[in-house]
């Protein structure tokens, strides 16, 4: 938390976001496959909520609040830097 260029918490946040997106896609495909294979009108994947992306609170539930806020702040700063660099190119 000293402003390191390659912060472990920023990388953790990025990897968790990537995992959540991949997990949501996999759950969606499983749900679609289950619907295609199923002949009954009630599908187990619907009951389990498959295909829905985990919200951030559930994703980072076990991460201390201070770290979560730090990660959010780091993410916002990174997005601002990216936006500024694209504006400078124009």
PDB file of N, CA and C in Angstrom:
ATOM      1  N   UNK A   1       0.825  -1.198   0.000  1.00  0.00           N
ATOM      2  CA  UNK A   1       0.000   0.000   0.000  1.00  0.00           C
ATOM      3  C   UNK A   1       0.863   1.254   0.000  1.00  0.00           C
ATOM      4  N   UNK A   2       2.011   1.136  -0.630  1.00  0.00           N
ATOM      5  CA  UNK A   2       2.909   2.287  -0.690  1.00  0.00           C
ATOM      6  C   UNK A   2       2.990   2.859  -2.097  1.00  0.00           C
ATOM      7  N   UNK A   3       2.070   2.502  -2.954  1.00  0.00           N
ATOM      8  CA  UNK A   3       2.052   3.027  -4.305  1.00  0.00           C
ATOM      9  C   UNK A   3       2.985   2.308  -5.255  1.00  0.00           C
ATOM     10  N   UNK A   4       3.263   1.057  -4.985  1.00  0.00           N
ATOM     11  CA  UNK A   4       4.142   0.282  -5.861  1.00  0.00           C
ATOM     12  C   UNK A   4       3.571   0.245  -7.277  1.00  0.00           C
ATOM     13  N   UNK A   5       4.452   0.201  -8.256  1.00  0.00           N
ATOM     14  CA  UNK A   5       4.037   0.163  -9.651  1.00  0.00           C
ATOM     15  C   UNK A   5       3.269  -1.117  -9.952  1.00  0.00           C
ATOM     16  N   UNK A   6       3.707  -2.221  -9.430  1.00  0.00           N
ATOM     17  CA  UNK A   6       3.076  -3.511  -9.667  1.00  0.00           C
ATOM     18  C   UNK A   6       2.503  -4.033  -8.348  1.00  0.00           C
ATOM     19  N   UNK A   7       1.389  -3.461  -7.939  1.00  0.00           N
ATOM     20  CA  UNK A   7       0.789  -3.776  -6.646  1.00  0.00           C
ATOM     21  C   UNK A   7       0.111  -5.154  -6.664  1.00  0.00           C
ATOM     22  N   UNK A   8       0.407  -5.940  -5.660  1.00  0.00           N
ATOM     23  CA  UNK A   8      -0.165  -7.283  -5.578  1.00  0.00           C
ATOM     24  C   UNK A   8      -1.685  -7.227  -5.451  1.00  0.00           C
ATOM     25  N   UNK A   9      -2.213  -6.206  -4.776  1.00  0.00           N
ATOM     26  CA  UNK A   9      -3.663  -6.111  -4.614  1.00  0.00           C
ATOM     27  C   UNK A   9      -4.346  -5.717  -5.910  1.00  0.00           C
ATOM     28  N   UNK A  10      -3.683  -4.889  -6.713  1.00  0.00           N
ATOM     29  CA  UNK A  10      -4.252  -4.551  -8.017  1.00  0.00           C
ATOM     30  C   UNK A  10      -4.276  -5.785  -8.916  1.00  0.00           C
ATOM     31  N   UNK A  11      -3.204  -6.546  -8.879  1.00  0.00           N
ATOM     32  CA  UNK A  11      -3.160  -7.783  -9.682  1.00  0.00           C
ATOM     33  C   UNK A  11      -4.217  -8.771  -9.197  1.00  0.00           C
ATOM     34  N   UNK A  12      -4.378  -8.888  -7.880  1.00  0.00           N
ATOM     35  CA  UNK A  12      -5.392  -9.767  -7.302  1.00  0.00           C
ATOM     36  C   UNK A  12      -6.771  -9.363  -7.807  1.00  0.00           C
ATOM     37  N   UNK A  13      -7.056  -8.070  -7.776  1.00  0.00           N
ATOM     38  CA  UNK A  13      -8.350  -7.555  -8.224  1.00  0.00           C
ATOM     39  C   UNK A  13      -8.567  -7.865  -9.702  1.00  0.00           C
ATOM     40  N   UNK A  14      -7.543  -7.645 -10.530  1.00  0.00           N
ATOM     41  CA  UNK A  14      -7.649  -7.933 -11.954  1.00  0.00           C
ATOM     42  C   UNK A  14      -7.911  -9.416 -12.196  1.00  0.00           C
ATOM     43  N   UNK A  15      -7.191 -10.260 -11.488  1.00  0.00           N
ATOM     44  CA  UNK A  15      -7.359 -11.695 -11.671  1.00  0.00           C
ATOM     45  C   UNK A  15      -8.718 -12.169 -11.179  1.00  0.00           C
ATOM     46  N   UNK A  16      -9.216 -11.586 -10.106  1.00  0.00           N
ATOM     47  CA  UNK A  16     -10.550 -11.950  -9.630  1.00  0.00           C
ATOM     48  C   UNK A  16     -11.621 -11.514 -10.629  1.00  0.00           C
ATOM     49  N   UNK A  17     -11.447 -10.336 -11.221  1.00  0.00           N
ATOM     50  CA  UNK A  17     -12.398  -9.879 -12.246  1.00  0.00           C
ATOM     51  C   UNK A  17     -12.383 -10.820 -13.445  1.00  0.00           C
ATOM     52  N   UNK A  18     -11.180 -11.226 -13.866  1.00  0.00           N
ATOM     53  CA  UNK A  18     -11.067 -12.166 -14.985  1.00  0.00           C
ATOM     54  C   UNK A  18     -11.722 -13.497 -14.639  1.00  0.00           C
ATOM     55  N   UNK A  19     -11.485 -13.970 -13.419  1.00  0.00           N
ATOM     56  CA  UNK A  19     -12.076 -15.235 -12.986  1.00  0.00           C
ATOM     57  C   UNK A  19     -13.601 -15.119 -12.957  1.00  0.00           C
ATOM     58  N   UNK A  20     -14.111 -14.018 -12.424  1.00  0.00           N
ATOM     59  CA  UNK A  20     -15.564 -13.844 -12.334  1.00  0.00           C
ATOM     60  C   UNK A  20     -16.198 -13.835 -13.722  1.00  0.00           C
ATOM     61  N   UNK A  21     -15.543 -13.169 -14.677  1.00  0.00           N
ATOM     62  CA  UNK A  21     -16.073 -13.134 -16.047  1.00  0.00           C
ATOM     63  C   UNK A  21     -16.042 -14.536 -16.667  1.00  0.00           C
ATOM     64  N   UNK A  22     -14.938 -15.248 -16.483  1.00  0.00           N
ATOM     65  CA  UNK A  22     -14.833 -16.606 -17.021  1.00  0.00           C
ATOM     66  C   UNK A  22     -15.840 -17.536 -16.353  1.00  0.00           C
ATOM     67  N   UNK A  23     -16.028 -17.384 -15.055  1.00  0.00           N
ATOM     68  CA  UNK A  23     -16.986 -18.201 -14.314  1.00  0.00           C
ATOM     69  C   UNK A  23     -18.413 -17.934 -14.795  1.00  0.00           C
ATOM     70  N   UNK A  24     -18.738 -16.663 -15.002  1.00  0.00           N
ATOM     71  CA  UNK A  24     -20.080 -16.322 -15.487  1.00  0.00           C
ATOM     72  C   UNK A  24     -20.323 -16.932 -16.860  1.00  0.00           C
ATOM     73  N   UNK A  25     -19.311 -16.866 -17.728  1.00  0.00           N
ATOM     74  CA  UNK A  25     -19.446 -17.448 -19.071  1.00  0.00           C
ATOM     75  C   UNK A  25     -19.619 -18.965 -18.989  1.00  0.00           C
ATOM     76  N   UNK A  26     -18.839 -19.611 -18.125  1.00  0.00           N
ATOM     77  CA  UNK A  26     -18.949 -21.064 -17.985  1.00  0.00           C
ATOM     78  C   UNK A  26     -20.314 -21.455 -17.424  1.00  0.00           C
ATOM     79  N   UNK A  27     -20.790 -20.695 -16.437  1.00  0.00           N
ATOM     80  CA  UNK A  27     -22.101 -20.989 -15.855  1.00  0.00           C
ATOM     81  C   UNK A  27     -23.206 -20.795 -16.896  1.00  0.00           C
ATOM     82  N   UNK A  28     -23.043 -19.768 -17.730  1.00  0.00           N
ATOM     83  CA  UNK A  28     -24.031 -19.514 -18.785  1.00  0.00           C
ATOM     84  C   UNK A  28     -24.065 -20.673 -19.773  1.00  0.00           C
ATOM     85  N   UNK A  29     -22.895 -21.146 -20.168  1.00  0.00           N
ATOM     86  CA  UNK A  29     -22.836 -22.267 -21.104  1.00  0.00           C
ATOM     87  C   UNK A  29     -23.408 -23.536 -20.490  1.00  0.00           C
ATOM     88  N   UNK A  30     -23.127 -23.767 -19.219  1.00  0.00           N
ATOM     89  CA  UNK A  30     -23.695 -24.938 -18.544  1.00  0.00           C
ATOM     90  C   UNK A  30     -25.216 -24.848 -18.493  1.00  0.00           C
ATOM     91  N   UNK A  31     -25.718 -23.651 -18.211  1.00  0.00           N
ATOM     92  CA  UNK A  31     -27.166 -23.469 -18.149  1.00  0.00           C
ATOM     93  C   UNK A  31     -27.793 -23.698 -19.516  1.00  0.00           C
ATOM     94  N   UNK A  32     -27.151 -23.182 -20.572  1.00  0.00           N
ATOM     95  CA  UNK A  32     -27.669 -23.381 -21.927  1.00  0.00           C
ATOM     96  C   UNK A  32     -27.654 -24.850 -22.303  1.00  0.00           C
ATOM     97  N   UNK A  33     -26.577 -25.535 -21.937  1.00  0.00           N
ATOM     98  CA  UNK A  33     -26.476 -26.964 -22.227  1.00  0.00           C
ATOM     99  C   UNK A  33     -27.540 -27.733 -21.451  1.00  0.00           C
ATOM    100  N   UNK A  34     -27.748 -27.348 -20.211  1.00  0.00           N
ATOM    101  CA  UNK A  34     -28.759 -28.004 -19.388  1.00  0.00           C
ATOM    102  C   UNK A  34     -30.148 -27.815 -19.948  1.00  0.00           C
ATOM    103  N   UNK A  35     -30.422 -26.644 -20.497  1.00  0.00           N
ATOM    104  CA  UNK A  35     -31.732 -26.382 -21.093  1.00  0.00           C
ATOM    105  C   UNK A  35     -31.912 -27.172 -22.379  1.00  0.00           C
ATOM    106  N   UNK A  36     -30.832 -27.308 -23.135  1.00  0.00           N
ATOM    107  CA  UNK A  36     -30.919 -28.055 -24.387  1.00  0.00           C
ATOM    108  C   UNK A  36     -31.096 -29.552 -24.117  1.00  0.00           C
ATOM    109  N   UNK A  37     -30.447 -30.047 -23.056  1.00  0.00           N
ATOM    110  CA  UNK A  37     -30.518 -31.464 -22.732  1.00  0.00           C
ATOM    111  C   UNK A  37     -31.770 -31.832 -21.937  1.00  0.00           C
ATOM    112  N   UNK A  38     -32.379 -30.850 -21.315  1.00  0.00           N
ATOM    113  CA  UNK A  38     -33.504 -31.110 -20.422  1.00  0.00           C
ATOM    114  C   UNK A  38     -34.815 -31.217 -21.194  1.00  0.00           C
ATOM    115  N   UNK A  39     -35.664 -32.135 -20.762  1.00  0.00           N
ATOM    116  CA  UNK A  39     -36.983 -32.263 -21.384  1.00  0.00           C
ATOM    117  C   UNK A  39     -38.065 -31.740 -20.459  1.00  0.00           C
ATOM    118  N   UNK A  40     -37.714 -31.531 -19.178  1.00  0.00           N
ATOM    119  CA  UNK A  40     -38.713 -31.042 -18.226  1.00  0.00           C
ATOM    120  C   UNK A  40     -38.793 -29.522 -18.286  1.00  0.00           C
ATOM    121  N   UNK A  41     -39.883 -28.970 -17.788  1.00  0.00           N
ATOM    122  CA  UNK A  41     -40.082 -27.523 -17.846  1.00  0.00           C
ATOM    123  C   UNK A  41     -39.308 -26.806 -16.750  1.00  0.00           C
ATOM    124  N   UNK A  42     -38.986 -27.491 -15.639  1.00  0.00           N
ATOM    125  CA  UNK A  42     -38.204 -26.856 -14.581  1.00  0.00           C
ATOM    126  C   UNK A  42     -36.770 -27.298 -14.714  1.00  0.00           C
ATOM    127  N   UNK A  43     -35.888 -26.340 -14.756  1.00  0.00           N
ATOM    128  CA  UNK A  43     -34.470 -26.602 -14.974  1.00  0.00           C
ATOM    129  C   UNK A  43     -33.700 -26.307 -13.698  1.00  0.00           C
ATOM    130  N   UNK A  44     -32.830 -27.206 -13.298  1.00  0.00           N
ATOM    131  CA  UNK A  44     -32.055 -27.036 -12.073  1.00  0.00           C
ATOM    132  C   UNK A  44     -31.152 -25.820 -12.160  1.00  0.00           C
ATOM    133  N   UNK A  45     -30.641 -25.490 -13.342  1.00  0.00           N
ATOM    134  CA  UNK A  45     -29.735 -24.356 -13.462  1.00  0.00           C
ATOM    135  C   UNK A  45     -30.453 -23.041 -13.160  1.00  0.00           C
ATOM    136  N   UNK A  46     -31.748 -22.963 -13.461  1.00  0.00           N
ATOM    137  CA  UNK A  46     -32.507 -21.765 -13.154  1.00  0.00           C
ATOM    138  C   UNK A  46     -32.641 -21.607 -11.648  1.00  0.00           C
ATOM    139  N   UNK A  47     -32.879 -22.692 -10.958  1.00  0.00           N
ATOM    140  CA  UNK A  47     -33.010 -22.642  -9.505  1.00  0.00           C
ATOM    141  C   UNK A  47     -31.705 -22.226  -8.844  1.00  0.00           C
ATOM    142  N   UNK A  48     -30.576 -22.643  -9.424  1.00  0.00           N
ATOM    143  CA  UNK A  48     -29.274 -22.327  -8.846  1.00  0.00           C
ATOM    144  C   UNK A  48     -28.800 -20.934  -9.244  1.00  0.00           C
ATOM    145  N   UNK A  49     -29.470 -20.283 -10.162  1.00  0.00           N
ATOM    146  CA  UNK A  49     -29.060 -18.966 -10.606  1.00  0.00           C
ATOM    147  C   UNK A  49     -27.845 -18.998 -11.508  1.00  0.00           C
ATOM    148  N   UNK A  50     -27.632 -20.095 -12.217  1.00  0.00           N
ATOM    149  CA  UNK A  50     -26.476 -20.191 -13.099  1.00  0.00           C
ATOM    150  C   UNK A  50     -26.585 -19.178 -14.221  1.00  0.00           C
ATOM    151  N   UNK A  51     -25.440 -18.734 -14.698  1.00  0.00           N
ATOM    152  CA  UNK A  51     -25.419 -17.756 -15.769  1.00  0.00           C
ATOM    153  C   UNK A  51     -25.403 -16.329 -15.274  1.00  0.00           C
ATOM    154  N   UNK A  52     -25.573 -16.125 -13.999  1.00  0.00           N
ATOM    155  CA  UNK A  52     -25.530 -14.781 -13.448  1.00  0.00           C
ATOM    156  C   UNK A  52     -24.144 -14.516 -12.879  1.00  0.00           C
ATOM    157  N   UNK A  53     -23.623 -13.332 -13.115  1.00  0.00           N
ATOM    158  CA  UNK A  53     -22.308 -12.976 -12.612  1.00  0.00           C
ATOM    159  C   UNK A  53     -22.387 -12.652 -11.122  1.00  0.00           C
ATOM    160  N   UNK A  54     -21.384 -13.134 -10.395  1.00  0.00           N
ATOM    161  CA  UNK A  54     -21.327 -12.839  -8.964  1.00  0.00           C
ATOM    162  C   UNK A  54     -21.195 -11.336  -8.767  1.00  0.00           C
ATOM    163  N   UNK A  55     -21.875 -10.783  -7.775  1.00  0.00           N
ATOM    164  CA  UNK A  55     -21.680  -9.373  -7.507  1.00  0.00           C
ATOM    165  C   UNK A  55     -20.366  -9.185  -6.744  1.00  0.00           C
ATOM    166  N   UNK A  56     -19.854  -7.953  -6.746  1.00  0.00           N
ATOM    167  CA  UNK A  56     -18.552  -7.691  -6.138  1.00  0.00           C
ATOM    168  C   UNK A  56     -18.539  -8.011  -4.658  1.00  0.00           C
ATOM    169  N   UNK A  57     -19.639  -7.753  -3.958  1.00  0.00           N
ATOM    170  CA  UNK A  57     -19.684  -8.032  -2.525  1.00  0.00           C
ATOM    171  C   UNK A  57     -19.466  -9.519  -2.256  1.00  0.00           C
ATOM    172  N   UNK A  58     -20.092 -10.380  -3.032  1.00  0.00           N
ATOM    173  CA  UNK A  58     -19.925 -11.822  -2.849  1.00  0.00           C
ATOM    174  C   UNK A  58     -18.535 -12.266  -3.268  1.00  0.00           C
ATOM    175  N   UNK A  59     -18.016 -11.659  -4.321  1.00  0.00           N
ATOM    176  CA  UNK A  59     -16.711 -12.035  -4.852  1.00  0.00           C
ATOM    177  C   UNK A  59     -15.588 -11.736  -3.870  1.00  0.00           C
ATOM    178  N   UNK A  60     -15.676 -10.589  -3.213  1.00  0.00           N
ATOM    179  CA  UNK A  60     -14.606 -10.153  -2.304  1.00  0.00           C
ATOM    180  C   UNK A  60     -15.016 -10.234  -0.825  1.00  0.00           C
ATOM    181  N   UNK A  61     -15.969 -11.077  -0.516  1.00  0.00           N
ATOM    182  CA  UNK A  61     -16.497 -11.172   0.846  1.00  0.00           C
ATOM    183  C   UNK A  61     -15.411 -11.414   1.890  1.00  0.00           C
ATOM    184  N   UNK A  62     -14.422 -12.240   1.580  1.00  0.00           N
ATOM    185  CA  UNK A  62     -13.395 -12.595   2.555  1.00  0.00           C
ATOM    186  C   UNK A  62     -12.203 -11.642   2.576  1.00  0.00           C
ATOM    187  N   UNK A  63     -12.232 -10.614   1.725  1.00  0.00           N
ATOM    188  CA  UNK A  63     -11.156  -9.625   1.700  1.00  0.00           C
ATOM    189  C   UNK A  63     -11.530  -8.496   2.648  1.00  0.00           C
ATOM    190  N   UNK A  64     -10.612  -8.083   3.533  1.00  0.00           N
ATOM    191  CA  UNK A  64     -10.928  -6.993   4.474  1.00  0.00           C
ATOM    192  C   UNK A  64     -11.391  -5.729   3.747  1.00  0.00           C
ATOM    193  N   UNK A  65     -12.287  -4.986   4.384  1.00  0.00           N
ATOM    194  CA  UNK A  65     -12.897  -3.804   3.782  1.00  0.00           C
ATOM    195  C   UNK A  65     -11.839  -2.798   3.334  1.00  0.00           C
ATOM    196  N   UNK A  66     -10.824  -2.560   4.130  1.00  0.00           N
ATOM    197  CA  UNK A  66      -9.779  -1.609   3.778  1.00  0.00           C
ATOM    198  C   UNK A  66      -9.080  -1.992   2.480  1.00  0.00           C
ATOM    199  N   UNK A  67      -8.815  -3.270   2.325  1.00  0.00           N
ATOM    200  CA  UNK A  67      -8.171  -3.764   1.104  1.00  0.00           C
ATOM    201  C   UNK A  67      -9.119  -3.637  -0.078  1.00  0.00           C
ATOM    202  N   UNK A  68     -10.400  -3.944   0.141  1.00  0.00           N
ATOM    203  CA  UNK A  68     -11.387  -3.819  -0.943  1.00  0.00           C
ATOM    204  C   UNK A  68     -11.454  -2.389  -1.460  1.00  0.00           C
ATOM    205  N   UNK A  69     -11.485  -1.435  -0.535  1.00  0.00           N
ATOM    206  CA  UNK A  69     -11.545  -0.030  -0.943  1.00  0.00           C
ATOM    207  C   UNK A  69     -10.266   0.388  -1.646  1.00  0.00           C
ATOM    208  N   UNK A  70      -9.145  -0.096  -1.176  1.00  0.00           N
ATOM    209  CA  UNK A  70      -7.872   0.184  -1.833  1.00  0.00           C
ATOM    210  C   UNK A  70      -7.877  -0.350  -3.261  1.00  0.00           C
ATOM    211  N   UNK A  71      -8.383  -1.572  -3.424  1.00  0.00           N
ATOM    212  CA  UNK A  71      -8.446  -2.177  -4.758  1.00  0.00           C
ATOM    213  C   UNK A  71      -9.367  -1.370  -5.674  1.00  0.00           C
ATOM    214  N   UNK A  72     -10.511  -0.934  -5.165  1.00  0.00           N
ATOM    215  CA  UNK A  72     -11.432  -0.127  -5.968  1.00  0.00           C
ATOM    216  C   UNK A  72     -10.771   1.182  -6.394  1.00  0.00           C
ATOM    217  N   UNK A  73     -10.068   1.800  -5.448  1.00  0.00           N
ATOM    218  CA  UNK A  73      -9.392   3.055  -5.739  1.00  0.00           C
ATOM    219  C   UNK A  73      -8.307   2.847  -6.800  1.00  0.00           C
ATOM    220  N   UNK A  74      -7.528   1.794  -6.656  1.00  0.00           N
ATOM    221  CA  UNK A  74      -6.492   1.472  -7.635  1.00  0.00           C
ATOM    222  C   UNK A  74      -7.077   1.235  -9.013  1.00  0.00           C
ATOM    223  N   UNK A  75      -8.219   0.567  -9.058  1.00  0.00           N
ATOM    224  CA  UNK A  75      -8.887   0.288 -10.334  1.00  0.00           C
ATOM    225  C   UNK A  75      -9.341   1.588 -10.989  1.00  0.00           C
ATOM    226  N   UNK A  76      -9.911   2.492 -10.184  1.00  0.00           N
ATOM    227  CA  UNK A  76     -10.340   3.782 -10.724  1.00  0.00           C
ATOM    228  C   UNK A  76      -9.154   4.583 -11.263  1.00  0.00           C
ATOM    229  N   UNK A  77      -8.042   4.598 -10.515  1.00  0.00           N
ATOM    230  CA  UNK A  77      -6.854   5.321 -10.961  1.00  0.00           C
ATOM    231  C   UNK A  77      -6.315   4.752 -12.269  1.00  0.00           C
ATOM    232  N   UNK A  78      -6.305   3.435 -12.366  1.00  0.00           N
ATOM    233  CA  UNK A  78      -5.815   2.787 -13.582  1.00  0.00           C
ATOM    234  C   UNK A  78      -6.689   3.162 -14.778  1.00  0.00           C
ATOM    235  N   UNK A  79      -8.002   3.175 -14.588  1.00  0.00           N
ATOM    236  CA  UNK A  79      -8.916   3.546 -15.658  1.00  0.00           C
ATOM    237  C   UNK A  79      -8.728   5.008 -16.071  1.00  0.00           C
ATOM    238  N   UNK A  80      -8.489   5.886 -15.071  1.00  0.00           N
ATOM    239  CA  UNK A  80      -8.247   7.291 -15.384  1.00  0.00           C
ATOM    240  C   UNK A  80      -6.957   7.463 -16.178  1.00  0.00           C
ATOM    241  N   UNK A  81      -5.892   6.754 -15.776  1.00  0.00           N
ATOM    242  CA  UNK A  81      -4.619   6.838 -16.494  1.00  0.00           C
ATOM    243  C   UNK A  81      -4.777   6.346 -17.926  1.00  0.00           C
ATOM    244  N   UNK A  82      -5.522   5.269 -18.096  1.00  0.00           N
ATOM    245  CA  UNK A  82      -5.750   4.715 -19.430  1.00  0.00           C
ATOM    246  C   UNK A  82      -6.523   5.714 -20.290  1.00  0.00           C
ATOM    247  N   UNK A  83      -7.538   6.333 -19.699  1.00  0.00           N
ATOM    248  CA  UNK A  83      -8.357   7.316 -20.412  1.00  0.00           C
ATOM    249  C   UNK A  83      -7.513   8.520 -20.808  1.00  0.00           C
ATOM    250  N   UNK A  84      -6.661   8.985 -19.891  1.00  0.00           N
ATOM    251  CA  UNK A  84      -5.807  10.137 -20.189  1.00  0.00           C
ATOM    252  C   UNK A  84      -4.803   9.815 -21.299  1.00  0.00           C
ATOM    253  N   UNK A  85      -4.262   8.605 -21.294  1.00  0.00           N
ATOM    254  CA  UNK A  85      -3.285   8.243 -22.322  1.00  0.00           C
ATOM    255  C   UNK A  85      -3.929   8.135 -23.704  1.00  0.00           C
ATOM    256  N   UNK A  86      -5.178   7.684 -23.759  1.00  0.00           N
ATOM    257  CA  UNK A  86      -5.869   7.619 -25.059  1.00  0.00           C
ATOM    258  C   UNK A  86      -6.252   9.010 -25.534  1.00  0.00           C
ATOM    259  N   UNK A  87      -6.565   9.909 -24.630  1.00  0.00           N
ATOM    260  CA  UNK A  87      -6.912  11.290 -25.010  1.00  0.00           C
ATOM    261  C   UNK A  87      -5.678  12.024 -25.524  1.00  0.00           C
ATOM    262  N   UNK A  88      -4.517  11.731 -24.974  1.00  0.00           N
ATOM    263  CA  UNK A  88      -3.286  12.395 -25.407  1.00  0.00           C
ATOM    264  C   UNK A  88      -2.900  11.960 -26.808  1.00  0.00           C
ATOM    265  N   UNK A  89      -3.247  10.745 -27.202  1.00  0.00           N
ATOM    266  CA  UNK A  89      -2.928  10.249 -28.531  1.00  0.00           C
ATOM    267  C   UNK A  89      -3.750  10.930 -29.610  1.00  0.00           C
ATOM    268  N   UNK A  90      -4.932  11.409 -29.221  1.00  0.00           N
ATOM    269  CA  UNK A  90      -5.858  12.004 -30.193  1.00  0.00           C
ATOM    270  C   UNK A  90      -5.424  13.366 -30.588  1.00  0.00           C
TER     271      UNK A  90
END
